Amino acid sequence: MLDLVRVEKTFNPGTINQKQALGGISLHLEEGEFVTVIGGNGAGKSTMLNAIAGVWPIDSGVISIGGVNVTGLPEHRRAAFIGRVFQDPMMGTAPSMEIEENLALAYRRGRRRGLRWGVTKPERARYHEALASLGLGLEDRMTTKVGLLSGGQRQALTLLMAALQKPKLLLLDEHTAALDPATASKVLELSDRIVAENKLTTMMITHNMSDAIRHGTRLIMMNGGRIVLDISGKEKTRLTKADLLQKFAEAAGVQEETDRMLLS
């Protein structure tokens, strides 16, 4: 469902601030895989995610989604393939519009728009059912402006919007980092359920080692713009934080105290 072939990206080339963010990354995700991505600041996690989403062009390599080469497509053209939830709960929704209007925008993503009535009666019934599945009472507040919702409610809504059309690839960009622990746990639980129910191919970036281990079917660790660990199956099921630190030390060639700083 996702293929990265020798993808490279360098920022500010030829200047004193030159920084190689991706050093020839290759990665293959099968349909339905849920991959968690962990690494310290500057490891290349967000750069890889933004390269996949088309936020900026890559220097070389190939990116394919669902067998389609999207390397040359701009961000808005890739939206037909991708659902995304951002770190900031304020992103991903239109705060001045109602909940049902935001869902209608997500439902129509990639389709031609006309002058017909905005939200139809069958659509409203569908949105009501989808919101009820979140267990947050939002189905009774469908005409509420999204800007009045809490951060956790907005992230849950954004998750629902991102999965509404069952995208080929769901990108979760540290989507619980700005939430308190209890709310983050609830949003992660919803993420697991939405991914499983819709059989979505998913990539989730996180700084939290426990979350990276607990969630998903595969774990990738990045360092210095490269993938240094790729763990799945029974090995991931048995993985502990101590194991992860040791494996990172071996793969990245750093000492354990450095590991804790990089992965904290």
C-alpha atoms as a PDB file:
ATOM      1  CA  MET A   1       0.000   0.000   0.000  1.00  0.00           C
ATOM      2  CA  LEU A   2       2.990   2.318   0.563  1.00  0.00           C
ATOM      3  CA  ASP A   3       6.409   2.149  -1.063  1.00  0.00           C
ATOM      4  CA  LEU A   4       9.349   4.467  -0.471  1.00  0.00           C
ATOM      5  CA  VAL A   5      12.351   3.738  -2.676  1.00  0.00           C
ATOM      6  CA  ARG A   6      15.673   5.444  -1.832  1.00  0.00           C
ATOM      7  CA  VAL A   7      13.975   8.699  -0.795  1.00  0.00           C
ATOM      8  CA  GLU A   8      16.337  11.583  -0.055  1.00  0.00           C
ATOM      9  CA  LYS A   9      15.665  15.091   1.246  1.00  0.00           C
ATOM     10  CA  THR A  10      18.196  17.792   2.182  1.00  0.00           C
ATOM     11  CA  PHE A  11      17.204  21.197   3.512  1.00  0.00           C
ATOM     12  CA  ASN A  12      19.164  24.381   2.704  1.00  0.00           C
ATOM     13  CA  PRO A  13      21.570  22.598   0.309  1.00  0.00           C
ATOM     14  CA  GLY A  14      24.841  24.396  -0.379  1.00  0.00           C
ATOM     15  CA  THR A  15      24.561  26.619   2.703  1.00  0.00           C
ATOM     16  CA  ILE A  16      26.023  26.556   6.195  1.00  0.00           C
ATOM     17  CA  ASN A  17      22.624  25.295   7.396  1.00  0.00           C
ATOM     18  CA  GLN A  18      22.582  22.268   5.075  1.00  0.00           C
ATOM     19  CA  LYS A  19      20.849  19.334   6.747  1.00  0.00           C
ATOM     20  CA  GLN A  20      20.203  15.903   5.279  1.00  0.00           C
ATOM     21  CA  ALA A  21      16.820  14.957   6.739  1.00  0.00           C
ATOM     22  CA  LEU A  22      16.284  11.713   4.799  1.00  0.00           C
ATOM     23  CA  GLY A  23      19.249   9.642   3.683  1.00  0.00           C
ATOM     24  CA  GLY A  24      17.944   7.279   1.022  1.00  0.00           C
ATOM     25  CA  ILE A  25      15.057   5.700   2.949  1.00  0.00           C
ATOM     26  CA  SER A  26      13.335   2.609   1.531  1.00  0.00           C
ATOM     27  CA  LEU A  27      10.170   1.268   3.162  1.00  0.00           C
ATOM     28  CA  HIS A  28       7.327  -1.066   2.165  1.00  0.00           C
ATOM     29  CA  LEU A  29       3.953  -1.243   3.951  1.00  0.00           C
ATOM     30  CA  GLU A  30       1.491  -3.998   3.189  1.00  0.00           C
ATOM     31  CA  GLU A  31      -2.231  -3.260   3.088  1.00  0.00           C
ATOM     32  CA  GLY A  32      -3.654  -3.129   6.619  1.00  0.00           C
ATOM     33  CA  GLU A  33      -0.317  -2.727   8.416  1.00  0.00           C
ATOM     34  CA  PHE A  34      -0.286  -0.335  11.386  1.00  0.00           C
ATOM     35  CA  VAL A  35       3.254   0.994  11.781  1.00  0.00           C
ATOM     36  CA  THR A  36       4.445   3.116  14.685  1.00  0.00           C
ATOM     37  CA  VAL A  37       7.472   5.348  14.048  1.00  0.00           C
ATOM     38  CA  ILE A  38       9.728   6.501  16.885  1.00  0.00           C
ATOM     39  CA  GLY A  39      12.971   8.467  17.104  1.00  0.00           C
ATOM     40  CA  GLY A  40      14.452  11.575  18.683  1.00  0.00           C
ATOM     41  CA  ASN A  41      14.151  15.142  17.457  1.00  0.00           C
ATOM     42  CA  GLY A  42      15.794  15.482  14.063  1.00  0.00           C
ATOM     43  CA  ALA A  43      15.593  11.744  13.356  1.00  0.00           C
ATOM     44  CA  GLY A  44      13.571  12.340  10.180  1.00  0.00           C
ATOM     45  CA  LYS A  45      10.130  11.147  11.333  1.00  0.00           C
ATOM     46  CA  SER A  46       8.161  14.271  10.419  1.00  0.00           C
ATOM     47  CA  THR A  47      10.198  14.813   7.265  1.00  0.00           C
ATOM     48  CA  MET A  48       9.285  11.312   6.080  1.00  0.00           C
ATOM     49  CA  LEU A  49       5.605  11.880   6.881  1.00  0.00           C
ATOM     50  CA  ASN A  50       5.562  15.249   5.112  1.00  0.00           C
ATOM     51  CA  ALA A  51       7.363  13.769   2.116  1.00  0.00           C
ATOM     52  CA  ILE A  52       4.672  11.080   1.855  1.00  0.00           C
ATOM     53  CA  ALA A  53       1.913  13.695   2.190  1.00  0.00           C
ATOM     54  CA  GLY A  54       3.522  15.928  -0.452  1.00  0.00           C
ATOM     55  CA  VAL A  55       4.112  18.913   1.814  1.00  0.00           C
ATOM     56  CA  TRP A  56       7.442  19.426   0.068  1.00  0.00           C
ATOM     57  CA  PRO A  57       9.165  17.755  -2.899  1.00  0.00           C
ATOM     58  CA  ILE A  58      11.874  15.170  -2.330  1.00  0.00           C
ATOM     59  CA  ASP A  59      15.334  15.442  -3.896  1.00  0.00           C
ATOM     60  CA  SER A  60      15.357  11.905  -5.290  1.00  0.00           C
ATOM     61  CA  GLY A  61      13.606   8.561  -4.963  1.00  0.00           C
ATOM     62  CA  VAL A  62      10.075   7.284  -5.568  1.00  0.00           C
ATOM     63  CA  ILE A  63       6.922   7.384  -3.414  1.00  0.00           C
ATOM     64  CA  SER A  64       3.987   5.129  -4.352  1.00  0.00           C
ATOM     65  CA  ILE A  65       0.611   4.775  -2.621  1.00  0.00           C
ATOM     66  CA  GLY A  66      -1.646   1.890  -3.562  1.00  0.00           C
ATOM     67  CA  GLY A  67       0.510   1.151  -6.585  1.00  0.00           C
ATOM     68  CA  VAL A  68       0.268   4.739  -7.882  1.00  0.00           C
ATOM     69  CA  ASN A  69       3.460   6.778  -8.252  1.00  0.00           C
ATOM     70  CA  VAL A  70       2.661  10.027  -6.408  1.00  0.00           C
ATOM     71  CA  THR A  71       6.211  11.396  -6.320  1.00  0.00           C
ATOM     72  CA  GLY A  72       5.399  14.334  -8.589  1.00  0.00           C
ATOM     73  CA  LEU A  73       1.909  15.048  -7.249  1.00  0.00           C
ATOM     74  CA  PRO A  74       1.309  18.162  -5.089  1.00  0.00           C
ATOM     75  CA  GLU A  75      -0.183  17.874  -1.618  1.00  0.00           C
ATOM     76  CA  HIS A  76      -3.795  18.587  -2.657  1.00  0.00           C
ATOM     77  CA  ARG A  77      -3.675  15.856  -5.316  1.00  0.00           C
ATOM     78  CA  ARG A  78      -2.445  13.293  -2.780  1.00  0.00           C
ATOM     79  CA  ALA A  79      -5.424  14.064  -0.521  1.00  0.00           C
ATOM     80  CA  ALA A  80      -7.436  11.530  -2.532  1.00  0.00           C
ATOM     81  CA  PHE A  81      -5.147   8.789  -1.169  1.00  0.00           C
ATOM     82  CA  ILE A  82      -4.365  10.063   2.337  1.00  0.00           C
ATOM     83  CA  GLY A  83      -6.148  10.807   5.605  1.00  0.00           C
ATOM     84  CA  ARG A  84      -4.134  12.774   8.166  1.00  0.00           C
ATOM     85  CA  VAL A  85      -4.435  13.778  11.821  1.00  0.00           C
ATOM     86  CA  PHE A  86      -2.038  16.474  13.026  1.00  0.00           C
ATOM     87  CA  GLN A  87      -0.333  17.088  16.374  1.00  0.00           C
ATOM     88  CA  ASP A  88      -2.213  20.363  16.894  1.00  0.00           C
ATOM     89  CA  PRO A  89      -5.930  19.744  17.671  1.00  0.00           C
ATOM     90  CA  MET A  90      -6.663  23.101  15.997  1.00  0.00           C
ATOM     91  CA  MET A  91      -5.591  21.700  12.617  1.00  0.00           C
ATOM     92  CA  GLY A  92      -7.572  19.307  10.473  1.00  0.00           C
ATOM     93  CA  THR A  93     -10.945  20.942  11.127  1.00  0.00           C
ATOM     94  CA  ALA A  94     -12.696  24.222  10.254  1.00  0.00           C
ATOM     95  CA  PRO A  95     -13.422  25.775  13.697  1.00  0.00           C
ATOM     96  CA  SER A  96     -16.046  28.268  12.472  1.00  0.00           C
ATOM     97  CA  MET A  97     -18.138  25.510  10.865  1.00  0.00           C
ATOM     98  CA  GLU A  98     -20.496  23.035  12.527  1.00  0.00           C
ATOM     99  CA  ILE A  99     -19.552  19.423  13.312  1.00  0.00           C
ATOM    100  CA  GLU A 100     -21.810  18.058  10.572  1.00  0.00           C
ATOM    101  CA  GLU A 101     -20.433  20.582   8.075  1.00  0.00           C
ATOM    102  CA  ASN A 102     -16.878  19.452   8.817  1.00  0.00           C
ATOM    103  CA  LEU A 103     -17.930  15.833   8.288  1.00  0.00           C
ATOM    104  CA  ALA A 104     -19.587  16.791   5.001  1.00  0.00           C
ATOM    105  CA  LEU A 105     -16.340  18.393   3.800  1.00  0.00           C
ATOM    106  CA  ALA A 106     -14.421  15.218   4.677  1.00  0.00           C
ATOM    107  CA  TYR A 107     -17.054  13.039   2.997  1.00  0.00           C
ATOM    108  CA  ARG A 108     -16.771  15.061  -0.230  1.00  0.00           C
ATOM    109  CA  ARG A 109     -12.979  15.140  -0.311  1.00  0.00           C
ATOM    110  CA  GLY A 110     -11.762  14.558  -3.846  1.00  0.00           C
ATOM    111  CA  ARG A 111     -15.239  14.904  -5.362  1.00  0.00           C
ATOM    112  CA  ARG A 112     -16.633  17.631  -7.595  1.00  0.00           C
ATOM    113  CA  ARG A 113     -18.722  20.177  -5.676  1.00  0.00           C
ATOM    114  CA  GLY A 114     -21.889  21.845  -6.926  1.00  0.00           C
ATOM    115  CA  LEU A 115     -24.606  24.137  -5.602  1.00  0.00           C
ATOM    116  CA  ARG A 116     -26.865  21.457  -4.134  1.00  0.00           C
ATOM    117  CA  TRP A 117     -27.902  21.437  -0.458  1.00  0.00           C
ATOM    118  CA  GLY A 118     -24.896  21.118   1.839  1.00  0.00           C
ATOM    119  CA  VAL A 119     -25.830  18.202   4.133  1.00  0.00           C
ATOM    120  CA  THR A 120     -28.494  15.775   2.973  1.00  0.00           C
ATOM    121  CA  LYS A 121     -30.828  13.892   5.314  1.00  0.00           C
ATOM    122  CA  PRO A 122     -29.213  10.465   4.619  1.00  0.00           C
ATOM    123  CA  GLU A 123     -25.783  11.992   5.212  1.00  0.00           C
ATOM    124  CA  ARG A 124     -26.917  13.492   8.506  1.00  0.00           C
ATOM    125  CA  ALA A 125     -28.118  10.071   9.664  1.00  0.00           C
ATOM    126  CA  ARG A 126     -24.756   8.562   8.694  1.00  0.00           C
ATOM    127  CA  TYR A 127     -22.817  11.261  10.567  1.00  0.00           C
ATOM    128  CA  HIS A 128     -25.022  10.798  13.636  1.00  0.00           C
ATOM    129  CA  GLU A 129     -24.239   7.071  13.697  1.00  0.00           C
ATOM    130  CA  ALA A 130     -20.511   7.637  13.156  1.00  0.00           C
ATOM    131  CA  LEU A 131     -20.312  10.254  15.923  1.00  0.00           C
ATOM    132  CA  ALA A 132     -22.226   7.993  18.320  1.00  0.00           C
ATOM    133  CA  SER A 133     -19.534   5.338  17.848  1.00  0.00           C
ATOM    134  CA  LEU A 134     -16.994   7.719  19.439  1.00  0.00           C
ATOM    135  CA  GLY A 135     -18.856   7.603  22.755  1.00  0.00           C
ATOM    136  CA  LEU A 136     -18.339  11.340  23.393  1.00  0.00           C
ATOM    137  CA  GLY A 137     -21.923  12.574  22.972  1.00  0.00           C
ATOM    138  CA  LEU A 138     -21.031  14.554  19.832  1.00  0.00           C
ATOM    139  CA  GLU A 139     -23.945  12.978  17.953  1.00  0.00           C
ATOM    140  CA  ASP A 140     -26.247  15.254  19.999  1.00  0.00           C
ATOM    141  CA  ARG A 141     -24.187  18.358  19.148  1.00  0.00           C
ATOM    142  CA  MET A 142     -23.957  18.111  15.365  1.00  0.00           C
ATOM    143  CA  THR A 143     -24.762  21.805  14.844  1.00  0.00           C
ATOM    144  CA  THR A 144     -22.155  22.945  17.404  1.00  0.00           C
ATOM    145  CA  LYS A 145     -19.231  24.971  16.052  1.00  0.00           C
ATOM    146  CA  VAL A 146     -16.092  22.830  16.111  1.00  0.00           C
ATOM    147  CA  GLY A 147     -14.119  25.696  17.682  1.00  0.00           C
ATOM    148  CA  LEU A 148     -16.130  25.155  20.895  1.00  0.00           C
ATOM    149  CA  LEU A 149     -14.949  21.560  21.329  1.00  0.00           C
ATOM    150  CA  SER A 150     -12.116  20.466  23.620  1.00  0.00           C
ATOM    151  CA  GLY A 151      -8.782  19.347  22.197  1.00  0.00           C
ATOM    152  CA  GLY A 152      -9.594  15.676  22.724  1.00  0.00           C
ATOM    153  CA  GLN A 153     -13.022  16.022  21.113  1.00  0.00           C
ATOM    154  CA  ARG A 154     -11.477  17.760  18.106  1.00  0.00           C
ATOM    155  CA  GLN A 155      -8.839  15.057  17.684  1.00  0.00           C
ATOM    156  CA  ALA A 156     -11.529  12.361  17.889  1.00  0.00           C
ATOM    157  CA  LEU A 157     -13.554  14.236  15.264  1.00  0.00           C
ATOM    158  CA  THR A 158     -10.490  14.666  13.047  1.00  0.00           C
ATOM    159  CA  LEU A 159      -9.824  10.925  13.300  1.00  0.00           C
ATOM    160  CA  LEU A 160     -13.371  10.216  12.207  1.00  0.00           C
ATOM    161  CA  MET A 161     -13.075  12.686   9.329  1.00  0.00           C
ATOM    162  CA  ALA A 162      -9.756  11.201   8.195  1.00  0.00           C
ATOM    163  CA  ALA A 163     -11.242   7.681   8.073  1.00  0.00           C
ATOM    164  CA  LEU A 164     -14.659   8.607   6.647  1.00  0.00           C
ATOM    165  CA  GLN A 165     -13.711   7.755   3.066  1.00  0.00           C
ATOM    166  CA  LYS A 166     -11.383   4.894   4.043  1.00  0.00           C
ATOM    167  CA  PRO A 167      -8.169   6.374   2.642  1.00  0.00           C
ATOM    168  CA  LYS A 168      -5.460   4.132   1.248  1.00  0.00           C
ATOM    169  CA  LEU A 169      -3.106   5.514   3.918  1.00  0.00           C
ATOM    170  CA  LEU A 170      -3.797   7.098   7.316  1.00  0.00           C
ATOM    171  CA  LEU A 171      -1.059   9.326   8.762  1.00  0.00           C
ATOM    172  CA  LEU A 172      -1.148  10.081  12.512  1.00  0.00           C
ATOM    173  CA  ASP A 173       1.383  12.832  13.188  1.00  0.00           C
ATOM    174  CA  GLU A 174       2.024  12.744  16.965  1.00  0.00           C
ATOM    175  CA  HIS A 175      -1.729  13.249  17.238  1.00  0.00           C
ATOM    176  CA  THR A 176      -1.829  12.846  21.035  1.00  0.00           C
ATOM    177  CA  ALA A 177       1.265  14.922  21.922  1.00  0.00           C
ATOM    178  CA  ALA A 178      -0.741  18.050  22.800  1.00  0.00           C
ATOM    179  CA  LEU A 179      -3.307  16.205  24.951  1.00  0.00           C
ATOM    180  CA  ASP A 180      -3.295  15.365  28.657  1.00  0.00           C
ATOM    181  CA  PRO A 181      -2.473  11.705  29.464  1.00  0.00           C
ATOM    182  CA  ALA A 182      -6.080  10.595  30.084  1.00  0.00           C
ATOM    183  CA  THR A 183      -7.375  12.231  26.896  1.00  0.00           C
ATOM    184  CA  ALA A 184      -4.401  10.934  24.904  1.00  0.00           C
ATOM    185  CA  SER A 185      -5.150   7.396  26.080  1.00  0.00           C
ATOM    186  CA  LYS A 186      -8.787   7.756  24.954  1.00  0.00           C
ATOM    187  CA  VAL A 187      -7.780   9.103  21.526  1.00  0.00           C
ATOM    188  CA  LEU A 188      -5.270   6.251  21.067  1.00  0.00           C
ATOM    189  CA  GLU A 189      -7.969   3.739  21.977  1.00  0.00           C
ATOM    190  CA  LEU A 190     -10.248   5.319  19.354  1.00  0.00           C
ATOM    191  CA  SER A 191      -7.381   5.264  16.844  1.00  0.00           C
ATOM    192  CA  ASP A 192      -6.885   1.516  17.354  1.00  0.00           C
ATOM    193  CA  ARG A 193     -10.595   0.858  16.907  1.00  0.00           C
ATOM    194  CA  ILE A 194     -11.027   3.037  13.822  1.00  0.00           C
ATOM    195  CA  VAL A 195      -7.932   1.527  12.170  1.00  0.00           C
ATOM    196  CA  ALA A 196      -9.069  -2.046  12.941  1.00  0.00           C
ATOM    197  CA  GLU A 197     -12.710  -1.560  11.901  1.00  0.00           C
ATOM    198  CA  ASN A 198     -11.768   0.063   8.590  1.00  0.00           C
ATOM    199  CA  LYS A 199      -8.673  -2.124   7.979  1.00  0.00           C
ATOM    200  CA  LEU A 200      -6.636   1.015   7.307  1.00  0.00           C
ATOM    201  CA  THR A 201      -2.958   1.021   6.409  1.00  0.00           C
ATOM    202  CA  THR A 202      -1.604   3.383   9.060  1.00  0.00           C
ATOM    203  CA  MET A 203       1.598   5.166  10.017  1.00  0.00           C
ATOM    204  CA  MET A 204       1.713   6.751  13.492  1.00  0.00           C
ATOM    205  CA  ILE A 205       4.584   8.961  14.622  1.00  0.00           C
ATOM    206  CA  THR A 206       5.158   9.169  18.370  1.00  0.00           C
ATOM    207  CA  HIS A 207       7.813  10.213  20.882  1.00  0.00           C
ATOM    208  CA  ASN A 208       6.391   7.829  23.473  1.00  0.00           C
ATOM    209  CA  MET A 209       8.189   4.467  23.628  1.00  0.00           C
ATOM    210  CA  SER A 210       5.334   2.781  25.481  1.00  0.00           C
ATOM    211  CA  ASP A 211       2.791   3.912  22.873  1.00  0.00           C
ATOM    212  CA  ALA A 212       5.082   2.797  20.037  1.00  0.00           C
ATOM    213  CA  ILE A 213       5.334  -0.664  21.590  1.00  0.00           C
ATOM    214  CA  ARG A 214       1.692  -1.014  22.673  1.00  0.00           C
ATOM    215  CA  HIS A 215       0.031   0.092  19.437  1.00  0.00           C
ATOM    216  CA  GLY A 216       0.291  -1.130  15.878  1.00  0.00           C
ATOM    217  CA  THR A 217       1.581  -4.301  14.232  1.00  0.00           C
ATOM    218  CA  ARG A 218       5.078  -3.058  13.399  1.00  0.00           C
ATOM    219  CA  LEU A 219       7.589  -0.618  14.914  1.00  0.00           C
ATOM    220  CA  ILE A 220      10.128   1.447  13.007  1.00  0.00           C
ATOM    221  CA  MET A 221      12.850   3.495  14.672  1.00  0.00           C
ATOM    222  CA  MET A 222      14.632   6.334  12.887  1.00  0.00           C
ATOM    223  CA  ASN A 223      17.926   8.081  13.604  1.00  0.00           C
ATOM    224  CA  GLY A 224      19.872  10.567  11.506  1.00  0.00           C
ATOM    225  CA  GLY A 225      17.441  10.399   8.597  1.00  0.00           C
ATOM    226  CA  ARG A 226      17.591   6.615   8.322  1.00  0.00           C
ATOM    227  CA  ILE A 227      15.614   3.614   9.531  1.00  0.00           C
ATOM    228  CA  VAL A 228      17.776   1.843  12.128  1.00  0.00           C
ATOM    229  CA  LEU A 229      15.219  -0.660  13.481  1.00  0.00           C
ATOM    230  CA  ASP A 230      12.241  -2.471  11.958  1.00  0.00           C
ATOM    231  CA  ILE A 231      10.413  -4.829  14.336  1.00  0.00           C
ATOM    232  CA  SER A 232       7.179  -6.748  13.777  1.00  0.00           C
ATOM    233  CA  GLY A 233       5.342  -9.962  14.637  1.00  0.00           C
ATOM    234  CA  LYS A 234       6.179 -11.855  17.823  1.00  0.00           C
ATOM    235  CA  GLU A 235       9.346  -9.820  18.320  1.00  0.00           C
ATOM    236  CA  LYS A 236       7.262  -6.653  18.683  1.00  0.00           C
ATOM    237  CA  THR A 237       4.700  -8.381  20.909  1.00  0.00           C
ATOM    238  CA  ARG A 238       7.440  -9.330  23.392  1.00  0.00           C
ATOM    239  CA  LEU A 239       9.249  -5.987  23.169  1.00  0.00           C
ATOM    240  CA  THR A 240       9.876  -3.889  26.310  1.00  0.00           C
ATOM    241  CA  LYS A 241      11.209  -0.350  26.737  1.00  0.00           C
ATOM    242  CA  ALA A 242      14.523  -1.770  27.975  1.00  0.00           C
ATOM    243  CA  ASP A 243      14.756  -3.976  24.871  1.00  0.00           C
ATOM    244  CA  LEU A 244      14.028  -0.986  22.670  1.00  0.00           C
ATOM    245  CA  LEU A 245      16.755   1.107  24.269  1.00  0.00           C
ATOM    246  CA  GLN A 246      19.283  -1.688  23.900  1.00  0.00           C
ATOM    247  CA  LYS A 247      18.364  -2.328  20.257  1.00  0.00           C
ATOM    248  CA  PHE A 248      18.608   1.376  19.496  1.00  0.00           C
ATOM    249  CA  ALA A 249      22.050   1.565  21.113  1.00  0.00           C
ATOM    250  CA  GLU A 250      23.236  -1.344  18.978  1.00  0.00           C
ATOM    251  CA  ALA A 251      21.699  -0.045  15.732  1.00  0.00           C
ATOM    252  CA  ALA A 252      22.560   3.637  16.121  1.00  0.00           C
ATOM    253  CA  GLY A 253      25.922   3.177  17.829  1.00  0.00           C
ATOM    254  CA  VAL A 254      25.164   5.365  20.841  1.00  0.00           C
ATOM    255  CA  GLN A 255      25.325   4.752  24.572  1.00  0.00           C
ATOM    256  CA  GLU A 256      22.279   3.981  26.684  1.00  0.00           C
ATOM    257  CA  GLU A 257      22.197   7.360  28.450  1.00  0.00           C
ATOM    258  CA  THR A 258      22.178   8.995  25.004  1.00  0.00           C
ATOM    259  CA  ASP A 259      19.297   6.691  24.020  1.00  0.00           C
ATOM    260  CA  ARG A 260      17.133   7.967  26.835  1.00  0.00           C
ATOM    261  CA  MET A 261      17.709  11.558  25.761  1.00  0.00           C
ATOM    262  CA  LEU A 262      17.001  10.801  22.096  1.00  0.00           C
ATOM    263  CA  LEU A 263      13.851   8.789  22.733  1.00  0.00           C
ATOM    264  CA  SER A 264      12.389  10.662  25.697  1.00  0.00           C
END
